[in-house]
Structures are given as structure tokens and as C-alpha cells.
Protein backbone atom coordinates (compact mmCIF):
# COMPACT_ATOMS: atom_id res chain seq x y z
CA MET A 1 -75.38 39.24 54.18
CA THR A 2 -76.60 35.80 55.28
CA LYS A 3 -74.98 33.53 57.66
CA ASN A 4 -74.05 31.29 54.82
CA GLN A 5 -72.62 34.31 52.98
CA LEU A 6 -70.60 35.70 56.01
CA SER A 7 -69.10 31.88 56.33
CA SER A 8 -68.46 31.61 52.55
CA ARG A 9 -66.32 34.66 52.66
CA ILE A 10 -64.45 33.94 55.38
CA ILE A 11 -63.67 30.57 54.16
CA GLU A 12 -62.47 32.19 50.75
CA LEU A 13 -60.42 34.69 52.48
CA GLN A 14 -58.75 32.27 55.37
CA SER A 15 -58.02 30.03 52.31
CA GLU A 16 -56.29 32.55 50.43
CA ILE A 17 -53.94 33.34 53.09
CA THR A 18 -53.21 29.90 54.01
CA SER A 19 -52.55 29.17 50.38
CA ALA A 20 -50.08 31.71 49.99
CA THR A 21 -48.60 30.92 53.41
CA LEU A 22 -48.31 26.99 51.98
CA LYS A 23 -46.43 28.51 49.09
CA GLY A 24 -43.72 30.20 51.62
CA HIS A 25 -45.48 33.53 51.75
CA LYS A 26 -44.23 35.06 55.39
CA SER A 27 -47.05 36.87 57.00
CA ASN A 28 -46.34 40.11 58.86
CA ASP A 29 -48.37 43.13 59.60
CA ASP A 30 -47.85 45.23 56.12
CA ASP A 31 -48.67 42.37 53.87
CA ILE A 32 -50.57 42.08 50.85
CA PHE A 33 -53.22 40.61 53.36
CA LYS A 34 -53.43 43.20 55.72
CA SER A 35 -57.18 44.17 54.17
CA HIS A 36 -57.87 40.14 54.22
CA ARG A 37 -57.23 40.18 58.08
CA MET A 38 -59.38 43.35 58.64
CA GLU A 39 -62.16 42.13 56.54
CA LEU A 40 -62.04 38.61 58.35
CA MET A 41 -62.16 40.29 61.81
CA ILE A 42 -65.25 42.08 60.90
CA LEU A 43 -67.03 39.22 59.33
CA ARG A 44 -66.26 37.00 62.03
CA CYS A 45 -67.93 39.65 64.45
CA MET A 46 -70.84 39.87 62.34
CA LEU A 47 -71.28 36.30 62.33
CA TYR A 48 -70.90 35.42 66.14
CA GLY A 49 -71.89 38.42 67.69
CA GLU A 50 -69.91 41.66 68.83
CA ASP A 51 -70.09 40.18 72.44
CA SER A 52 -68.64 36.64 71.61
CA LYS A 53 -65.36 35.44 72.14
CA ILE A 54 -64.37 35.28 68.88
CA CYS A 55 -65.24 38.79 68.33
CA LYS A 56 -63.19 39.61 71.46
CA THR A 57 -60.49 37.81 70.60
CA GLU A 58 -60.28 38.90 67.04
CA LYS A 59 -60.29 42.61 68.20
CA SER A 60 -57.75 41.95 70.83
CA ASN A 61 -55.33 40.19 68.25
CA CYS A 62 -55.60 43.04 65.55
CA ARG A 63 -52.55 45.10 65.83
CA SER A 64 -53.67 47.13 62.92
CA CYS A 65 -57.12 48.07 64.17
CA LYS A 66 -55.03 49.76 67.18
CA LYS A 67 -53.54 52.36 65.32
């Protein structure tokens, strides 16, 4: 994927989560957006690099990754 494609997919996924939240969705570790959060982490690491602060923060915040 190109950087533009990665960015577009990140925006698409994040927009879906934000829209649902604005409509009253309460997020939790096992909700319908679990796969979105995993994909977002992977895409951000691809976009910014495995050694980037963003990637390291994403990985440390990912509770489902630690299972």
C-alpha cells in the first residue's frame, strides 16, 4: 500500500469508530470495533515505522494484542 492508501484507510476506520461513538456507542475491548482498532495499529505502524513513537504507543495501548 502507498502512504496515501494507508492514510485513507486509517481515516476511514477512525471515522467509523468516531461516528458510532457520537451516536452513543460505548467502546470496550470486545466490541464490534475490535478488528478496526487492531487494523489501525498495524496501519499506523506501517505508515510511521515500527520504531516510531506512534507505533510504540499504539502497541502499548493495545490490550487485545497482549492476550
